[in-house]
Amino acid sequence: MMGISIWQLLIILLIVVMLFGTKRLRGLGSDLGSAIAGFRKSVSEGESKAQVEPVKPELK
């Protein structure tokens, strides 16, 4: 099987930039970055909260 060469990746990148423009790609990148940062923050808060508060067993 043949892999994707660097030239093919550069051509795909050029086409994407031409289609969407740099401003739109920059906006998408910043939105994605803030979403990932928020996800990491919530995961770390959830882990610290889980360590502080033990799970109480439910009685029926």
PDB file of N, CA and C in Angstrom:
ATOM      1  N   MET A   1       0.842  -1.178   0.000  1.00  0.00           N
ATOM      2  CA  MET A   1       0.000   0.000   0.000  1.00  0.00           C
ATOM      3  C   MET A   1       0.885   1.238   0.000  1.00  0.00           C
ATOM      4  N   MET A   2       0.392   2.238  -0.641  1.00  0.00           N
ATOM      5  CA  MET A   2       1.137   3.491  -0.687  1.00  0.00           C
ATOM      6  C   MET A   2       0.561   4.453   0.345  1.00  0.00           C
ATOM      7  N   GLY A   3       1.445   5.141   1.036  1.00  0.00           N
ATOM      8  CA  GLY A   3       1.008   6.130   2.008  1.00  0.00           C
ATOM      9  C   GLY A   3       0.848   7.487   1.356  1.00  0.00           C
ATOM     10  N   ILE A   4       0.391   8.434   2.132  1.00  0.00           N
ATOM     11  CA  ILE A   4       0.227   9.795   1.649  1.00  0.00           C
ATOM     12  C   ILE A   4       1.562  10.513   1.783  1.00  0.00           C
ATOM     13  N   SER A   5       2.037  11.098   0.690  1.00  0.00           N
ATOM     14  CA  SER A   5       3.314  11.805   0.726  1.00  0.00           C
ATOM     15  C   SER A   5       3.112  13.232   1.229  1.00  0.00           C
ATOM     16  N   ILE A   6       4.214  13.895   1.512  1.00  0.00           N
ATOM     17  CA  ILE A   6       4.152  15.268   2.002  1.00  0.00           C
ATOM     18  C   ILE A   6       3.567  16.190   0.943  1.00  0.00           C
ATOM     19  N   TRP A   7       3.822  15.911  -0.338  1.00  0.00           N
ATOM     20  CA  TRP A   7       3.298  16.753  -1.410  1.00  0.00           C
ATOM     21  C   TRP A   7       1.780  16.648  -1.494  1.00  0.00           C
ATOM     22  N   GLN A   8       1.250  15.468  -1.289  1.00  0.00           N
ATOM     23  CA  GLN A   8      -0.197  15.296  -1.308  1.00  0.00           C
ATOM     24  C   GLN A   8      -0.843  16.034  -0.134  1.00  0.00           C
ATOM     25  N   LEU A   9      -0.208  15.987   1.030  1.00  0.00           N
ATOM     26  CA  LEU A   9      -0.722  16.712   2.193  1.00  0.00           C
ATOM     27  C   LEU A   9      -0.688  18.222   1.957  1.00  0.00           C
ATOM     28  N   LEU A  10       0.377  18.714   1.344  1.00  0.00           N
ATOM     29  CA  LEU A  10       0.471  20.147   1.059  1.00  0.00           C
ATOM     30  C   LEU A  10      -0.591  20.597   0.067  1.00  0.00           C
ATOM     31  N   ILE A  11      -0.878  19.784  -0.932  1.00  0.00           N
ATOM     32  CA  ILE A  11      -1.910  20.125  -1.904  1.00  0.00           C
ATOM     33  C   ILE A  11      -3.281  20.150  -1.231  1.00  0.00           C
ATOM     34  N   ILE A  12      -3.559  19.181  -0.371  1.00  0.00           N
ATOM     35  CA  ILE A  12      -4.836  19.149   0.358  1.00  0.00           C
ATOM     36  C   ILE A  12      -4.953  20.371   1.263  1.00  0.00           C
ATOM     37  N   LEU A  13      -3.870  20.729   1.947  1.00  0.00           N
ATOM     38  CA  LEU A  13      -3.872  21.903   2.814  1.00  0.00           C
ATOM     39  C   LEU A  13      -4.128  23.174   2.011  1.00  0.00           C
ATOM     40  N   LEU A  14      -3.517  23.295   0.849  1.00  0.00           N
ATOM     41  CA  LEU A  14      -3.712  24.457  -0.010  1.00  0.00           C
ATOM     42  C   LEU A  14      -5.167  24.566  -0.472  1.00  0.00           C
ATOM     43  N   ILE A  15      -5.761  23.442  -0.836  1.00  0.00           N
ATOM     44  CA  ILE A  15      -7.161  23.446  -1.275  1.00  0.00           C
ATOM     45  C   ILE A  15      -8.088  23.847  -0.123  1.00  0.00           C
ATOM     46  N   VAL A  16      -7.823  23.335   1.075  1.00  0.00           N
ATOM     47  CA  VAL A  16      -8.651  23.673   2.237  1.00  0.00           C
ATOM     48  C   VAL A  16      -8.547  25.164   2.553  1.00  0.00           C
ATOM     49  N   VAL A  17      -7.330  25.707   2.496  1.00  0.00           N
ATOM     50  CA  VAL A  17      -7.155  27.139   2.768  1.00  0.00           C
ATOM     51  C   VAL A  17      -7.859  27.964   1.704  1.00  0.00           C
ATOM     52  N   MET A  18      -7.803  27.533   0.459  1.00  0.00           N
ATOM     53  CA  MET A  18      -8.474  28.283  -0.611  1.00  0.00           C
ATOM     54  C   MET A  18      -9.990  28.220  -0.451  1.00  0.00           C
ATOM     55  N   LEU A  19     -10.528  27.096  -0.009  1.00  0.00           N
ATOM     56  CA  LEU A  19     -11.971  26.964   0.145  1.00  0.00           C
ATOM     57  C   LEU A  19     -12.508  27.759   1.334  1.00  0.00           C
ATOM     58  N   PHE A  20     -11.850  27.653   2.473  1.00  0.00           N
ATOM     59  CA  PHE A  20     -12.383  28.235   3.701  1.00  0.00           C
ATOM     60  C   PHE A  20     -11.782  29.586   4.050  1.00  0.00           C
ATOM     61  N   GLY A  21     -10.584  29.867   3.624  1.00  0.00           N
ATOM     62  CA  GLY A  21      -9.931  31.123   3.981  1.00  0.00           C
ATOM     63  C   GLY A  21      -9.244  31.030   5.327  1.00  0.00           C
ATOM     64  N   THR A  22      -8.277  31.909   5.527  1.00  0.00           N
ATOM     65  CA  THR A  22      -7.486  31.839   6.753  1.00  0.00           C
ATOM     66  C   THR A  22      -8.262  32.315   7.979  1.00  0.00           C
ATOM     67  N   LYS A  23      -9.137  33.302   7.818  1.00  0.00           N
ATOM     68  CA  LYS A  23      -9.885  33.807   8.981  1.00  0.00           C
ATOM     69  C   LYS A  23     -10.824  32.743   9.542  1.00  0.00           C
ATOM     70  N   ARG A  24     -11.501  32.045   8.644  1.00  0.00           N
ATOM     71  CA  ARG A  24     -12.432  31.022   9.097  1.00  0.00           C
ATOM     72  C   ARG A  24     -11.685  29.857   9.753  1.00  0.00           C
ATOM     73  N   LEU A  25     -10.550  29.467   9.179  1.00  0.00           N
ATOM     74  CA  LEU A  25      -9.765  28.379   9.769  1.00  0.00           C
ATOM     75  C   LEU A  25      -9.194  28.793  11.122  1.00  0.00           C
ATOM     76  N   ARG A  26      -8.775  30.054  11.243  1.00  0.00           N
ATOM     77  CA  ARG A  26      -8.269  30.539  12.518  1.00  0.00           C
ATOM     78  C   ARG A  26      -9.370  30.523  13.570  1.00  0.00           C
ATOM     79  N   GLY A  27     -10.574  30.910  13.170  1.00  0.00           N
ATOM     80  CA  GLY A  27     -11.710  30.882  14.095  1.00  0.00           C
ATOM     81  C   GLY A  27     -12.063  29.473  14.519  1.00  0.00           C
ATOM     82  N   LEU A  28     -12.050  28.549  13.565  1.00  0.00           N
ATOM     83  CA  LEU A  28     -12.323  27.146  13.903  1.00  0.00           C
ATOM     84  C   LEU A  28     -11.253  26.587  14.839  1.00  0.00           C
ATOM     85  N   GLY A  29     -10.005  26.952  14.589  1.00  0.00           N
ATOM     86  CA  GLY A  29      -8.914  26.487  15.451  1.00  0.00           C
ATOM     87  C   GLY A  29      -9.033  27.011  16.865  1.00  0.00           C
ATOM     88  N   SER A  30      -9.381  28.282  16.995  1.00  0.00           N
ATOM     89  CA  SER A  30      -9.521  28.843  18.342  1.00  0.00           C
ATOM     90  C   SER A  30     -10.726  28.252  19.058  1.00  0.00           C
ATOM     91  N   ASP A  31     -11.820  28.024  18.342  1.00  0.00           N
ATOM     92  CA  ASP A  31     -12.992  27.391  18.952  1.00  0.00           C
ATOM     93  C   ASP A  31     -12.674  25.970  19.408  1.00  0.00           C
ATOM     94  N   LEU A  32     -11.959  25.241  18.574  1.00  0.00           N
ATOM     95  CA  LEU A  32     -11.579  23.873  18.939  1.00  0.00           C
ATOM     96  C   LEU A  32     -10.637  23.868  20.141  1.00  0.00           C
ATOM     97  N   GLY A  33      -9.699  24.802  20.159  1.00  0.00           N
ATOM     98  CA  GLY A  33      -8.773  24.896  21.287  1.00  0.00           C
ATOM     99  C   GLY A  33      -9.476  25.223  22.593  1.00  0.00           C
ATOM    100  N   SER A  34     -10.428  26.151  22.555  1.00  0.00           N
ATOM    101  CA  SER A  34     -11.150  26.490  23.779  1.00  0.00           C
ATOM    102  C   SER A  34     -12.054  25.344  24.233  1.00  0.00           C
ATOM    103  N   ALA A  35     -12.593  24.595  23.278  1.00  0.00           N
ATOM    104  CA  ALA A  35     -13.415  23.441  23.652  1.00  0.00           C
ATOM    105  C   ALA A  35     -12.567  22.366  24.321  1.00  0.00           C
ATOM    106  N   ILE A  36     -11.380  22.126  23.802  1.00  0.00           N
ATOM    107  CA  ILE A  36     -10.483  21.128  24.397  1.00  0.00           C
ATOM    108  C   ILE A  36     -10.033  21.585  25.784  1.00  0.00           C
ATOM    109  N   ALA A  37      -9.728  22.881  25.922  1.00  0.00           N
ATOM    110  CA  ALA A  37      -9.321  23.405  27.229  1.00  0.00           C
ATOM    111  C   ALA A  37     -10.449  23.272  28.248  1.00  0.00           C
ATOM    112  N   GLY A  38     -11.672  23.558  27.837  1.00  0.00           N
ATOM    113  CA  GLY A  38     -12.816  23.402  28.742  1.00  0.00           C
ATOM    114  C   GLY A  38     -13.039  21.958  29.138  1.00  0.00           C
ATOM    115  N   PHE A  39     -12.855  21.051  28.180  1.00  0.00           N
ATOM    116  CA  PHE A  39     -13.014  19.632  28.472  1.00  0.00           C
ATOM    117  C   PHE A  39     -11.966  19.170  29.474  1.00  0.00           C
ATOM    118  N   ARG A  40     -10.717  19.569  29.268  1.00  0.00           N
ATOM    119  CA  ARG A  40      -9.649  19.177  30.194  1.00  0.00           C
ATOM    120  C   ARG A  40      -9.899  19.742  31.587  1.00  0.00           C
ATOM    121  N   LYS A  41     -10.395  20.984  31.648  1.00  0.00           N
ATOM    122  CA  LYS A  41     -10.668  21.609  32.944  1.00  0.00           C
ATOM    123  C   LYS A  41     -11.766  20.853  33.681  1.00  0.00           C
ATOM    124  N   SER A  42     -12.826  20.490  32.962  1.00  0.00           N
ATOM    125  CA  SER A  42     -13.928  19.783  33.609  1.00  0.00           C
ATOM    126  C   SER A  42     -13.517  18.382  34.040  1.00  0.00           C
ATOM    127  N   VAL A  43     -12.659  17.730  33.258  1.00  0.00           N
ATOM    128  CA  VAL A  43     -12.186  16.397  33.640  1.00  0.00           C
ATOM    129  C   VAL A  43     -11.326  16.484  34.893  1.00  0.00           C
ATOM    130  N   SER A  44     -10.430  17.475  34.944  1.00  0.00           N
ATOM    131  CA  SER A  44      -9.571  17.594  36.130  1.00  0.00           C
ATOM    132  C   SER A  44     -10.382  17.983  37.360  1.00  0.00           C
ATOM    133  N   GLU A  45     -11.413  18.826  37.199  1.00  0.00           N
ATOM    134  CA  GLU A  45     -12.267  19.177  38.330  1.00  0.00           C
ATOM    135  C   GLU A  45     -13.074  17.968  38.785  1.00  0.00           C
ATOM    136  N   GLY A  46     -13.530  17.167  37.840  1.00  0.00           N
ATOM    137  CA  GLY A  46     -14.284  15.968  38.180  1.00  0.00           C
ATOM    138  C   GLY A  46     -13.442  14.959  38.934  1.00  0.00           C
ATOM    139  N   GLU A  47     -12.188  14.817  38.525  1.00  0.00           N
ATOM    140  CA  GLU A  47     -11.292  13.887  39.218  1.00  0.00           C
ATOM    141  C   GLU A  47     -10.994  14.358  40.631  1.00  0.00           C
ATOM    142  N   SER A  48     -10.750  15.663  40.809  1.00  0.00           N
ATOM    143  CA  SER A  48     -10.459  16.165  42.155  1.00  0.00           C
ATOM    144  C   SER A  48     -11.702  16.085  43.039  1.00  0.00           C
ATOM    145  N   LYS A  49     -12.873  16.301  42.455  1.00  0.00           N
ATOM    146  CA  LYS A  49     -14.114  16.203  43.218  1.00  0.00           C
ATOM    147  C   LYS A  49     -14.382  14.754  43.619  1.00  0.00           C
ATOM    148  N   ALA A  50     -14.058  13.813  42.728  1.00  0.00           N
ATOM    149  CA  ALA A  50     -14.274  12.401  43.027  1.00  0.00           C
ATOM    150  C   ALA A  50     -13.354  11.936  44.143  1.00  0.00           C
ATOM    151  N   GLN A  51     -12.162  12.506  44.225  1.00  0.00           N
ATOM    152  CA  GLN A  51     -11.238  12.122  45.293  1.00  0.00           C
ATOM    153  C   GLN A  51     -11.671  12.701  46.627  1.00  0.00           C
ATOM    154  N   VAL A  52     -12.289  13.868  46.626  1.00  0.00           N
ATOM    155  CA  VAL A  52     -12.695  14.530  47.862  1.00  0.00           C
ATOM    156  C   VAL A  52     -13.977  13.920  48.413  1.00  0.00           C
ATOM    157  N   GLU A  53     -14.960  13.649  47.547  1.00  0.00           N
ATOM    158  CA  GLU A  53     -16.246  13.141  48.000  1.00  0.00           C
ATOM    159  C   GLU A  53     -16.351  11.637  47.711  1.00  0.00           C
ATOM    160  N   PRO A  54     -16.342  10.800  48.751  1.00  0.00           N
ATOM    161  CA  PRO A  54     -16.497   9.361  48.519  1.00  0.00           C
ATOM    162  C   PRO A  54     -17.926   9.033  48.104  1.00  0.00           C
ATOM    163  N   VAL A  55     -18.082   7.964  47.384  1.00  0.00           N
ATOM    164  CA  VAL A  55     -19.409   7.544  46.907  1.00  0.00           C
ATOM    165  C   VAL A  55     -20.153   6.886  48.061  1.00  0.00           C
ATOM    166  N   LYS A  56     -21.399   7.337  48.258  1.00  0.00           N
ATOM    167  CA  LYS A  56     -22.232   6.775  49.324  1.00  0.00           C
ATOM    168  C   LYS A  56     -23.052   5.636  48.764  1.00  0.00           C
ATOM    169  N   PRO A  57     -23.077   4.491  49.428  1.00  0.00           N
ATOM    170  CA  PRO A  57     -23.893   3.376  48.911  1.00  0.00           C
ATOM    171  C   PRO A  57     -25.381   3.658  49.106  1.00  0.00           C
ATOM    172  N   GLU A  58     -26.183   3.232  48.155  1.00  0.00           N
ATOM    173  CA  GLU A  58     -27.615   3.443  48.239  1.00  0.00           C
ATOM    174  C   GLU A  58     -28.270   2.257  48.948  1.00  0.00           C
ATOM    175  N   LEU A  59     -29.174   2.548  49.864  1.00  0.00           N
ATOM    176  CA  LEU A  59     -29.910   1.513  50.567  1.00  0.00           C
ATOM    177  C   LEU A  59     -31.327   1.469  50.028  1.00  0.00           C
ATOM    178  N   LYS A  60     -31.832   0.274  49.783  1.00  0.00           N
ATOM    179  CA  LYS A  60     -33.190   0.126  49.257  1.00  0.00           C
ATOM    180  C   LYS A  60     -34.084  -0.469  50.283  1.00  0.00           C
TER     181      LYS A  60
END
